[in-house]
Amino acid sequence: MGKYDAVYLVANGGTKLSPVGLLSAFAPTAPRRLYGDERPAVYSVYPAGLGGAPEVRPYTRHELDLPDILRVNGCTFATCGRAIKIWPAALPGRVADERYGADENYTMGLHCEVHARFNAPVAGERVPFATLAATVPDAYQKWQRTIEAAHRARLLNDDRLRDVYSATLNLDNVARRAAGAATGPPAIPAGDGIGASFERAVARRARAWVERTRHTAVQSVWTDVIVARDRTPHEQDVQFDVLLVLTNGVLIHLECKSAEVDVPDLDRRAFRLKEAGSQLARLVVVLPLYASRADEPWAARLQAARSAIEARHLTVLPFTWAGDPVEGPTFETELERLLAPYGRAGHP
């Protein structure tokens, strides 16, 4: 084997006959045969060959992490952004101090403010097309992606046409409101908006649960991850709100949606997650679902969004209020249920 102490043959991936060919090619080196499982997050060693009984072993605390996973998939952290590792690591002050999810009056008031803003009658002149990209860049990009998806599909069925229609109406409404808000007082309380606040609250709760339970399958937790392609590291390709990196390299993205949900866009995000991670990566949508506030108008919209998301066979993880007097599943119990197939909590 020359300079190598041992050769390891990982039998995952490729066609069913790939391991047979590799075993034949590397037979003179007496390779150690491994096979990694998705659920549970363990690997098997085959001392007597792939036809023999395996020895199943849990992953120990290794050093492979999110940067390595991105690198083997042709991705990297974007130079124009950031990526914050929050476990095992210290919790950034801005995340620890976030009022959303800790101050009930502030949290519920923020939802009421956002609901009132987005449901106010649309007034004002229509924004010229030439200025849309500069006025509302996020909404414009979503609209553009919807048009591009319809073009790639070639067959414009009712679902595709409905997506184009909805995206166009949304772009017009958002642009008119933005143009009107530019001349009036801000409709959102001080801060950078409910979306970013909700993401920080989810990151804080997820990290606290992992820190407390020491789940055997969790390798690390990240937030505010901005990813680019290797060949264009200065250009943002996709952003992940909260990422759980499992010990077997599987990524679970907690996509945080606090108010309006562009349901068709979730399919694109799930696709990009698999490109950056693997086909085993999972997108899970986190919605603020507070049982004691279920009668609020803004809560009804989120319940409707939940139904639409689950109709696309995506998982919804409810972000609940700690100590809610109305009993039911909590964020923590549902997170534990989500991760149960991959491993178990180390200790309470």
Protein backbone atom coordinates (compact mmCIF):
# COMPACT_ATOMS: atom_id res chain seq x y z
CA MET A 1 0.00 0.00 0.00
CA GLY A 2 3.00 2.25 -0.07
CA LYS A 3 2.59 5.36 2.10
CA TYR A 4 -0.95 4.45 3.24
CA ASP A 5 -1.55 2.68 6.56
CA ALA A 6 -4.94 1.39 5.41
CA VAL A 7 -7.42 1.70 2.56
CA TYR A 8 -11.08 2.29 3.42
CA LEU A 9 -13.76 1.41 0.89
CA VAL A 10 -17.04 3.30 1.45
CA ALA A 11 -19.78 1.34 -0.27
CA ASN A 12 -22.34 4.18 -0.40
CA GLY A 13 -23.31 5.84 -3.68
CA GLY A 14 -23.10 4.86 -7.31
CA THR A 15 -24.89 1.91 -8.89
CA LYS A 16 -25.47 -1.33 -7.03
CA LEU A 17 -22.49 -2.88 -8.81
CA SER A 18 -20.07 -0.07 -7.94
CA PRO A 19 -18.90 -1.65 -4.65
CA VAL A 20 -18.27 -4.94 -6.46
CA GLY A 21 -15.97 -3.26 -8.96
CA LEU A 22 -14.15 -1.32 -6.22
CA LEU A 23 -13.72 -4.45 -4.11
CA SER A 24 -12.17 -6.21 -7.08
CA ALA A 25 -9.89 -3.29 -7.94
CA PHE A 26 -8.66 -2.78 -4.37
CA ALA A 27 -8.54 -6.44 -3.33
CA PRO A 28 -4.71 -6.51 -3.15
CA THR A 29 -4.81 -3.75 -0.49
CA ALA A 30 -7.19 -5.67 1.81
CA PRO A 31 -9.51 -2.64 2.18
CA ARG A 32 -11.59 -1.99 5.28
CA ARG A 33 -15.21 -1.95 4.16
CA LEU A 34 -17.60 0.70 5.47
CA TYR A 35 -21.22 1.62 4.82
CA GLY A 36 -22.87 4.76 6.19
CA ASP A 37 -26.56 4.81 7.12
CA GLU A 38 -28.90 7.79 6.95
CA ARG A 39 -31.28 6.80 9.74
CA PRO A 40 -30.02 6.10 12.31
CA ALA A 41 -26.83 8.13 11.87
CA VAL A 42 -24.41 5.22 12.25
CA TYR A 43 -21.97 3.34 10.04
CA SER A 44 -21.26 -0.35 9.56
CA VAL A 45 -17.92 -2.13 9.28
CA TYR A 46 -17.77 -5.41 7.34
CA PRO A 47 -14.72 -7.33 8.59
CA ALA A 48 -15.72 -10.44 6.60
CA GLY A 49 -16.74 -8.62 3.44
CA LEU A 50 -20.02 -7.04 2.35
CA GLY A 51 -21.68 -10.44 2.41
CA GLY A 52 -20.83 -10.99 6.08
CA ALA A 53 -22.39 -9.70 9.29
CA PRO A 54 -21.69 -5.99 9.91
CA GLU A 55 -20.45 -4.35 13.10
CA VAL A 56 -22.67 -1.29 13.62
CA ARG A 57 -20.90 1.67 15.22
CA PRO A 58 -22.01 5.17 16.22
CA TYR A 59 -20.10 8.19 14.97
CA THR A 60 -17.77 9.68 17.53
CA ARG A 61 -17.07 13.40 17.69
CA HIS A 62 -15.15 13.90 14.45
CA GLU A 63 -13.93 17.16 12.90
CA LEU A 64 -15.79 17.08 9.57
CA ASP A 65 -18.35 19.89 9.48
CA LEU A 66 -20.37 22.23 7.28
CA PRO A 67 -17.39 23.75 5.38
CA ASP A 68 -16.28 20.25 4.31
CA ILE A 69 -19.78 19.27 3.18
CA LEU A 70 -20.11 22.42 1.10
CA ARG A 71 -16.64 21.98 -0.40
CA VAL A 72 -17.27 18.47 -1.77
CA ASN A 73 -20.44 19.78 -3.43
CA GLY A 74 -18.73 22.68 -5.18
CA CYS A 75 -19.89 25.32 -2.70
CA THR A 76 -18.36 27.59 -0.08
CA PHE A 77 -19.30 30.33 2.35
CA ALA A 78 -19.99 33.51 0.36
CA THR A 79 -17.40 36.23 0.81
CA CYS A 80 -20.23 38.77 0.71
CA GLY A 81 -21.96 37.19 3.70
CA ARG A 82 -21.31 35.19 6.79
CA ALA A 83 -21.99 31.88 8.55
CA ILE A 84 -22.32 31.71 12.32
CA LYS A 85 -21.63 28.49 14.19
CA ILE A 86 -23.66 28.56 17.40
CA TRP A 87 -23.08 25.01 18.69
CA PRO A 88 -20.70 23.85 19.93
CA ALA A 89 -19.81 27.52 20.27
CA ALA A 90 -20.81 30.58 22.23
CA LEU A 91 -24.19 32.12 21.43
CA PRO A 92 -23.74 35.56 19.79
CA GLY A 93 -25.09 38.43 21.87
CA ARG A 94 -27.53 39.51 19.19
CA VAL A 95 -29.12 36.05 19.18
CA ALA A 96 -29.09 35.70 22.95
CA ASP A 97 -30.66 39.15 23.44
CA GLU A 98 -33.40 38.83 20.80
CA ARG A 99 -36.73 40.01 22.26
CA TYR A 100 -38.87 37.92 19.91
CA GLY A 101 -39.78 34.69 21.64
CA ALA A 102 -38.79 36.03 25.07
CA ASP A 103 -41.06 39.08 25.51
CA GLU A 104 -44.66 37.98 24.89
CA ASN A 105 -46.14 41.47 24.45
CA TYR A 106 -43.40 42.45 22.01
CA THR A 107 -43.72 39.19 20.05
CA MET A 108 -47.49 39.28 19.64
CA GLY A 109 -47.46 43.02 18.98
CA LEU A 110 -44.94 42.50 16.21
CA HIS A 111 -47.21 39.94 14.53
CA CYS A 112 -50.17 42.33 14.76
CA GLU A 113 -48.12 45.17 13.23
CA VAL A 114 -46.95 43.02 10.33
CA HIS A 115 -50.44 41.64 9.69
CA ALA A 116 -51.93 45.14 9.64
CA ARG A 117 -49.26 46.34 7.25
CA PHE A 118 -49.63 43.52 4.74
CA ASN A 119 -53.41 43.57 4.83
CA ALA A 120 -53.90 47.31 4.50
CA PRO A 121 -55.60 48.42 1.26
CA VAL A 122 -53.07 48.93 -1.49
CA ALA A 123 -52.96 52.57 -2.49
CA GLY A 124 -50.78 54.79 -4.56
CA GLU A 125 -49.58 54.79 -8.11
CA ARG A 126 -48.24 51.67 -9.73
CA VAL A 127 -44.43 51.53 -9.56
CA PRO A 128 -42.79 51.73 -13.01
CA PHE A 129 -41.27 48.41 -14.12
CA ALA A 130 -37.87 50.01 -14.66
CA THR A 131 -37.58 50.83 -10.94
CA LEU A 132 -39.02 47.61 -9.48
CA ALA A 133 -35.67 45.85 -9.02
CA ALA A 134 -34.32 48.80 -7.03
CA THR A 135 -37.53 49.44 -5.05
CA VAL A 136 -38.27 45.89 -3.90
CA PRO A 137 -35.28 43.67 -4.85
CA ASP A 138 -36.39 40.58 -2.89
CA ALA A 139 -39.93 40.55 -4.28
CA TYR A 140 -38.60 41.26 -7.77
CA GLN A 141 -36.18 38.31 -7.58
CA LYS A 142 -38.95 35.98 -6.37
CA TRP A 143 -41.16 37.09 -9.25
CA GLN A 144 -38.29 36.58 -11.69
CA ARG A 145 -37.63 33.06 -10.37
CA THR A 146 -41.31 32.18 -10.79
CA ILE A 147 -41.26 33.34 -14.42
CA GLU A 148 -38.04 31.40 -15.06
CA ALA A 149 -39.50 28.24 -13.48
CA ALA A 150 -42.58 28.51 -15.69
CA HIS A 151 -40.37 28.96 -18.76
CA ARG A 152 -38.29 25.89 -17.90
CA ALA A 153 -41.42 23.80 -17.35
CA ARG A 154 -42.51 24.48 -20.98
CA LEU A 155 -45.98 23.10 -20.23
CA LEU A 156 -47.95 26.01 -18.74
CA ASN A 157 -50.64 24.15 -16.81
CA ASP A 158 -53.09 25.78 -14.39
CA ASP A 159 -50.73 25.45 -11.42
CA ARG A 160 -47.88 27.22 -13.25
CA LEU A 161 -50.15 29.99 -14.51
CA ARG A 162 -51.57 30.45 -11.03
CA ASP A 163 -48.03 30.80 -9.61
CA VAL A 164 -47.18 33.44 -12.24
CA TYR A 165 -50.42 35.32 -11.56
CA SER A 166 -49.93 35.27 -7.77
CA ALA A 167 -46.28 36.31 -8.03
CA THR A 168 -47.15 39.22 -10.31
CA LEU A 169 -49.92 40.48 -8.02
CA ASN A 170 -47.63 40.12 -5.01
CA LEU A 171 -44.85 42.07 -6.73
CA ASP A 172 -47.28 44.91 -7.55
CA ASN A 173 -48.70 45.02 -4.01
CA VAL A 174 -45.31 44.93 -2.28
CA ALA A 175 -43.93 47.63 -4.59
CA ARG A 176 -46.89 49.96 -3.99
CA ARG A 177 -46.65 49.53 -0.23
CA ALA A 178 -42.90 50.10 -0.30
CA ALA A 179 -43.34 53.28 -2.34
CA GLY A 180 -46.01 54.51 0.08
CA ALA A 181 -43.96 53.63 3.17
CA ALA A 182 -41.05 55.67 1.85
CA THR A 183 -43.03 58.86 2.53
CA GLY A 184 -44.60 57.83 5.85
CA PRO A 185 -43.58 56.50 9.26
CA PRO A 186 -42.23 52.94 9.44
CA ALA A 187 -44.94 50.32 10.01
CA ILE A 188 -42.56 47.87 11.69
CA PRO A 189 -41.17 48.39 15.21
CA ALA A 190 -37.50 49.25 15.62
CA GLY A 191 -35.16 46.50 14.45
CA ASP A 192 -34.53 44.69 11.20
CA GLY A 193 -37.98 43.15 10.81
CA ILE A 194 -39.91 40.18 12.10
CA GLY A 195 -38.18 37.73 9.72
CA ALA A 196 -34.68 38.23 11.11
CA SER A 197 -36.01 38.36 14.69
CA PHE A 198 -37.85 35.07 14.22
CA GLU A 199 -34.74 33.41 12.77
CA ARG A 200 -32.70 34.44 15.81
CA ALA A 201 -35.39 33.14 18.17
CA VAL A 202 -35.50 29.78 16.37
CA ALA A 203 -31.70 29.54 16.40
CA ARG A 204 -31.64 30.26 20.13
CA ARG A 205 -34.30 27.64 20.95
CA ALA A 206 -32.74 24.99 18.71
CA ARG A 207 -29.29 25.55 20.20
CA ALA A 208 -30.67 25.44 23.75
CA TRP A 209 -32.34 22.10 23.04
CA VAL A 210 -29.19 20.60 21.51
CA GLU A 211 -27.08 21.93 24.38
CA ARG A 212 -29.46 20.41 26.93
CA THR A 213 -30.05 17.03 25.28
CA ARG A 214 -26.67 16.45 23.60
CA HIS A 215 -28.44 14.56 20.83
CA THR A 216 -26.18 11.81 19.52
CA ALA A 217 -26.81 12.63 15.84
CA VAL A 218 -26.10 16.39 15.95
CA GLN A 219 -22.61 17.46 14.96
CA SER A 220 -23.14 21.24 14.92
CA VAL A 221 -25.70 24.04 14.62
CA TRP A 222 -25.30 27.07 12.35
CA THR A 223 -27.32 30.18 11.59
CA ASP A 224 -27.39 32.91 8.96
CA VAL A 225 -25.43 30.79 6.50
CA ILE A 226 -24.86 32.43 3.11
CA VAL A 227 -23.54 30.04 0.47
CA ALA A 228 -21.93 30.65 -2.93
CA ARG A 229 -20.58 28.47 -5.69
CA ASP A 230 -16.86 27.75 -5.56
CA ARG A 231 -16.31 29.45 -8.91
CA THR A 232 -18.14 32.65 -7.83
CA PRO A 233 -17.53 33.00 -4.07
CA HIS A 234 -18.50 36.69 -4.12
CA GLU A 235 -22.04 35.97 -5.36
CA GLN A 236 -24.71 34.72 -2.96
CA ASP A 237 -26.38 31.57 -4.25
CA VAL A 238 -28.60 30.55 -1.35
CA GLN A 239 -29.13 31.41 2.31
CA PHE A 240 -29.96 29.01 5.13
CA ASP A 241 -31.64 30.30 8.30
CA VAL A 242 -30.74 27.57 10.81
CA LEU A 243 -28.78 24.47 9.81
CA LEU A 244 -28.39 21.30 11.83
CA VAL A 245 -25.37 19.30 10.66
CA LEU A 246 -25.69 15.64 11.60
CA THR A 247 -22.78 13.33 12.38
CA ASN A 248 -23.31 11.42 9.13
CA GLY A 249 -23.10 14.61 7.04
CA VAL A 250 -26.85 15.04 6.49
CA LEU A 251 -28.08 18.66 6.60
CA ILE A 252 -31.43 19.63 8.11
CA HIS A 253 -32.42 23.18 7.26
CA LEU A 254 -34.90 24.95 9.53
CA GLU A 255 -36.46 27.41 7.06
CA CYS A 256 -38.02 30.13 9.22
CA LYS A 257 -41.25 31.77 8.00
CA SER A 258 -42.76 34.35 10.33
CA ALA A 259 -45.56 35.89 8.25
CA GLU A 260 -45.98 35.67 4.48
CA VAL A 261 -44.98 32.32 2.92
CA ASP A 262 -44.08 31.94 -0.76
CA VAL A 263 -44.98 28.24 -0.88
CA PRO A 264 -43.80 27.54 -4.48
CA ASP A 265 -40.41 29.06 -3.59
CA LEU A 266 -39.90 26.36 -0.95
CA ASP A 267 -39.43 23.77 -3.70
CA ARG A 268 -36.55 25.82 -5.12
CA ARG A 269 -34.99 26.14 -1.67
CA ALA A 270 -35.28 22.40 -1.05
CA PHE A 271 -33.56 21.77 -4.40
CA ARG A 272 -30.68 24.15 -3.60
CA LEU A 273 -30.28 22.58 -0.17
CA LYS A 274 -29.78 19.18 -1.78
CA GLU A 275 -27.27 20.67 -4.23
CA ALA A 276 -25.24 22.21 -1.40
CA GLY A 277 -25.57 19.19 0.91
CA SER A 278 -26.78 15.91 -0.52
CA GLN A 279 -29.95 14.17 -1.69
CA LEU A 280 -30.51 13.19 1.94
CA ALA A 281 -30.71 16.82 3.11
CA ARG A 282 -34.12 17.88 4.47
CA LEU A 283 -35.91 21.21 4.45
CA VAL A 284 -38.21 21.74 7.44
CA VAL A 285 -40.39 24.86 7.61
CA VAL A 286 -40.66 26.53 11.03
CA LEU A 287 -43.85 28.56 11.61
CA PRO A 288 -44.85 30.52 14.74
CA LEU A 289 -47.92 28.58 15.85
CA TYR A 290 -49.07 29.78 19.26
CA ALA A 291 -52.03 27.72 20.54
CA SER A 292 -53.36 30.45 22.85
CA ARG A 293 -53.40 32.93 19.92
CA ALA A 294 -55.08 30.67 17.37
CA ASP A 295 -58.04 33.07 17.00
CA GLU A 296 -55.86 36.00 15.90
CA PRO A 297 -56.18 36.94 12.19
CA TRP A 298 -52.44 36.65 11.65
CA ALA A 299 -52.44 33.19 13.25
CA ALA A 300 -55.19 32.04 10.89
CA ARG A 301 -53.01 32.98 7.91
CA LEU A 302 -50.14 30.96 9.31
CA GLN A 303 -52.41 27.95 9.83
CA ALA A 304 -53.50 28.25 6.19
CA ALA A 305 -49.82 28.43 5.17
CA ARG A 306 -49.17 25.27 7.18
CA SER A 307 -51.86 23.40 5.24
CA ALA A 308 -50.44 24.62 1.91
CA ILE A 309 -46.90 23.61 2.90
CA GLU A 310 -47.91 20.16 4.09
CA ALA A 311 -49.90 19.67 0.88
CA ARG A 312 -46.51 19.79 -0.89
CA HIS A 313 -45.29 16.98 1.39
CA LEU A 314 -42.95 19.25 3.34
CA THR A 315 -42.56 19.04 7.12
CA VAL A 316 -43.73 21.91 9.35
CA LEU A 317 -42.07 22.38 12.74
CA PRO A 318 -44.23 24.52 15.06
CA PHE A 319 -42.48 27.25 17.00
CA THR A 320 -44.56 27.31 20.18
CA TRP A 321 -44.63 29.66 23.14
CA ALA A 322 -42.77 28.32 26.17
CA GLY A 323 -45.27 27.88 28.99
CA ASP A 324 -48.34 28.32 26.76
CA PRO A 325 -51.41 27.55 28.91
CA VAL A 326 -52.98 25.63 26.02
CA GLU A 327 -51.45 22.14 26.09
CA GLY A 328 -50.09 20.54 22.96
CA PRO A 329 -46.87 19.62 21.14
CA THR A 330 -43.99 22.00 21.78
CA PHE A 331 -41.12 23.12 19.60
CA GLU A 332 -38.80 20.92 21.63
CA THR A 333 -40.93 17.77 21.54
CA GLU A 334 -41.46 18.12 17.79
CA LEU A 335 -37.75 18.75 17.19
CA GLU A 336 -36.96 15.61 19.18
CA ARG A 337 -39.52 13.66 17.13
CA LEU A 338 -37.98 15.00 13.91
CA LEU A 339 -34.50 13.82 14.92
CA ALA A 340 -35.55 10.54 16.59
CA PRO A 341 -34.91 8.41 13.46
CA TYR A 342 -31.31 9.69 13.35
CA GLY A 343 -30.34 9.09 16.98
CA ARG A 344 -31.33 9.84 20.55
CA ALA A 345 -30.98 12.49 23.18
CA GLY A 346 -27.78 11.92 25.16
CA HIS A 347 -29.23 13.10 28.50
CA PRO A 348 -32.16 15.22 29.71
